[in-house]
Amino acid sequence: MADVKSVTRGAVTMSSASVTATVSISDIAKAMLFIKTRSNSANARQSSVLCEITNGTTLTFTADRADSNIVVEWEIGRAHV
């Protein structure tokens, strides 16, 4: 079992259908991306969000629609193996 070497956290608002976050990942093969979505509005419609580690410096979040009420909180854990 691998130990977690480091954790990076952040959040993005889905103000457009595709947003990015800048990160620094030295080895994406050892990175694990976890997400949680939330809404700042009780009336927000449901939406799906696809999140991916695009490369060592970029996370890409793609939603089926833009909605500034939707916030994606993300966390990257890097394994120490």
C-alpha atoms as a PDB file:
ATOM      1  CA  MET A   1       0.000   0.000   0.000  1.00  0.00           C
ATOM      2  CA  ALA A   2       1.315   3.448  -0.949  1.00  0.00           C
ATOM      3  CA  ASP A   3       1.598   6.330   1.482  1.00  0.00           C
ATOM      4  CA  VAL A   4       0.369   9.790   0.542  1.00  0.00           C
ATOM      5  CA  LYS A   5       3.353  12.068  -0.052  1.00  0.00           C
ATOM      6  CA  SER A   6       1.517  15.374  -0.462  1.00  0.00           C
ATOM      7  CA  VAL A   7      -1.937  16.851  -0.940  1.00  0.00           C
ATOM      8  CA  THR A   8      -2.947  19.933  -2.953  1.00  0.00           C
ATOM      9  CA  ARG A   9      -6.428  21.442  -2.652  1.00  0.00           C
ATOM     10  CA  GLY A  10      -8.432  24.068  -4.471  1.00  0.00           C
ATOM     11  CA  ALA A  11     -11.817  25.018  -5.881  1.00  0.00           C
ATOM     12  CA  VAL A  12     -13.224  26.338  -9.138  1.00  0.00           C
ATOM     13  CA  THR A  13     -16.540  27.956  -9.997  1.00  0.00           C
ATOM     14  CA  MET A  14     -18.197  26.687 -13.181  1.00  0.00           C
ATOM     15  CA  SER A  15     -18.737  30.195 -14.587  1.00  0.00           C
ATOM     16  CA  SER A  16     -18.252  28.718 -18.069  1.00  0.00           C
ATOM     17  CA  ALA A  17     -18.799  25.195 -19.364  1.00  0.00           C
ATOM     18  CA  SER A  18     -15.039  24.541 -19.237  1.00  0.00           C
ATOM     19  CA  VAL A  19     -12.640  25.922 -16.641  1.00  0.00           C
ATOM     20  CA  THR A  20      -9.078  25.067 -15.670  1.00  0.00           C
ATOM     21  CA  ALA A  21      -6.946  25.192 -12.561  1.00  0.00           C
ATOM     22  CA  THR A  22      -3.175  25.467 -12.483  1.00  0.00           C
ATOM     23  CA  VAL A  23      -1.345  22.834 -10.449  1.00  0.00           C
ATOM     24  CA  SER A  24       2.133  21.368 -10.172  1.00  0.00           C
ATOM     25  CA  ILE A  25       2.230  17.575 -10.453  1.00  0.00           C
ATOM     26  CA  SER A  26       5.659  16.039 -10.926  1.00  0.00           C
ATOM     27  CA  ASP A  27       4.382  12.529 -11.788  1.00  0.00           C
ATOM     28  CA  ILE A  28       0.752  12.271 -12.912  1.00  0.00           C
ATOM     29  CA  ALA A  29       0.976   8.462 -12.807  1.00  0.00           C
ATOM     30  CA  LYS A  30       1.144   8.754  -9.000  1.00  0.00           C
ATOM     31  CA  ALA A  31      -1.591  11.406  -8.679  1.00  0.00           C
ATOM     32  CA  MET A  32      -5.151  10.780  -7.489  1.00  0.00           C
ATOM     33  CA  LEU A  33      -7.861  13.387  -8.136  1.00  0.00           C
ATOM     34  CA  PHE A  34     -10.832  13.633  -5.784  1.00  0.00           C
ATOM     35  CA  ILE A  35     -13.697  16.065  -6.249  1.00  0.00           C
ATOM     36  CA  LYS A  36     -16.806  17.282  -4.476  1.00  0.00           C
ATOM     37  CA  THR A  37     -19.392  19.499  -6.112  1.00  0.00           C
ATOM     38  CA  ARG A  38     -21.689  21.880  -4.298  1.00  0.00           C
ATOM     39  CA  SER A  39     -24.104  24.616  -5.165  1.00  0.00           C
ATOM     40  CA  ASN A  40     -24.404  28.066  -3.654  1.00  0.00           C
ATOM     41  CA  SER A  41     -28.106  28.142  -4.565  1.00  0.00           C
ATOM     42  CA  ALA A  42     -30.994  26.118  -3.230  1.00  0.00           C
ATOM     43  CA  ASN A  43     -32.585  26.379  -6.688  1.00  0.00           C
ATOM     44  CA  ALA A  44     -29.600  25.260  -8.784  1.00  0.00           C
ATOM     45  CA  ARG A  45     -30.347  22.617 -11.372  1.00  0.00           C
ATOM     46  CA  GLN A  46     -28.363  19.428 -11.325  1.00  0.00           C
ATOM     47  CA  SER A  47     -25.347  19.311 -13.578  1.00  0.00           C
ATOM     48  CA  SER A  48     -22.612  16.806 -14.267  1.00  0.00           C
ATOM     49  CA  VAL A  49     -18.961  17.819 -14.210  1.00  0.00           C
ATOM     50  CA  LEU A  50     -16.084  15.868 -15.768  1.00  0.00           C
ATOM     51  CA  CYS A  51     -12.719  16.481 -14.114  1.00  0.00           C
ATOM     52  CA  GLU A  52      -9.362  15.387 -15.472  1.00  0.00           C
ATOM     53  CA  ILE A  53      -5.668  15.814 -14.916  1.00  0.00           C
ATOM     54  CA  THR A  54      -4.871  17.268 -18.336  1.00  0.00           C
ATOM     55  CA  ASN A  55      -1.118  17.366 -17.769  1.00  0.00           C
ATOM     56  CA  GLY A  56       1.367  18.119 -14.997  1.00  0.00           C
ATOM     57  CA  THR A  57       0.253  21.749 -14.721  1.00  0.00           C
ATOM     58  CA  THR A  58      -3.463  21.765 -15.595  1.00  0.00           C
ATOM     59  CA  LEU A  59      -6.730  20.345 -14.275  1.00  0.00           C
ATOM     60  CA  THR A  60      -9.694  20.672 -16.646  1.00  0.00           C
ATOM     61  CA  PHE A  61     -13.302  20.769 -15.443  1.00  0.00           C
ATOM     62  CA  THR A  62     -16.038  20.390 -18.069  1.00  0.00           C
ATOM     63  CA  ALA A  63     -19.739  20.751 -17.285  1.00  0.00           C
ATOM     64  CA  ASP A  64     -22.809  20.211 -19.435  1.00  0.00           C
ATOM     65  CA  ARG A  65     -23.587  23.920 -18.917  1.00  0.00           C
ATOM     66  CA  ALA A  66     -22.154  27.023 -17.297  1.00  0.00           C
ATOM     67  CA  ASP A  67     -23.551  27.749 -13.839  1.00  0.00           C
ATOM     68  CA  SER A  68     -21.729  30.082 -11.462  1.00  0.00           C
ATOM     69  CA  ASN A  69     -23.681  28.505  -8.589  1.00  0.00           C
ATOM     70  CA  ILE A  70     -21.749  25.244  -9.035  1.00  0.00           C
ATOM     71  CA  VAL A  71     -18.446  24.995  -7.193  1.00  0.00           C
ATOM     72  CA  VAL A  72     -16.071  22.062  -7.646  1.00  0.00           C
ATOM     73  CA  GLU A  73     -13.740  21.473  -4.724  1.00  0.00           C
ATOM     74  CA  TRP A  74     -10.758  19.351  -5.745  1.00  0.00           C
ATOM     75  CA  GLU A  75      -7.943  17.567  -4.017  1.00  0.00           C
ATOM     76  CA  ILE A  76      -4.916  15.830  -5.520  1.00  0.00           C
ATOM     77  CA  GLY A  77      -3.060  13.248  -3.485  1.00  0.00           C
ATOM     78  CA  ARG A  78       0.381  12.130  -4.634  1.00  0.00           C
ATOM     79  CA  ALA A  79       1.432   8.647  -3.702  1.00  0.00           C
ATOM     80  CA  HIS A  80       4.870   7.916  -2.293  1.00  0.00           C
ATOM     81  CA  VAL A  81       5.737   4.428  -3.543  1.00  0.00           C
END
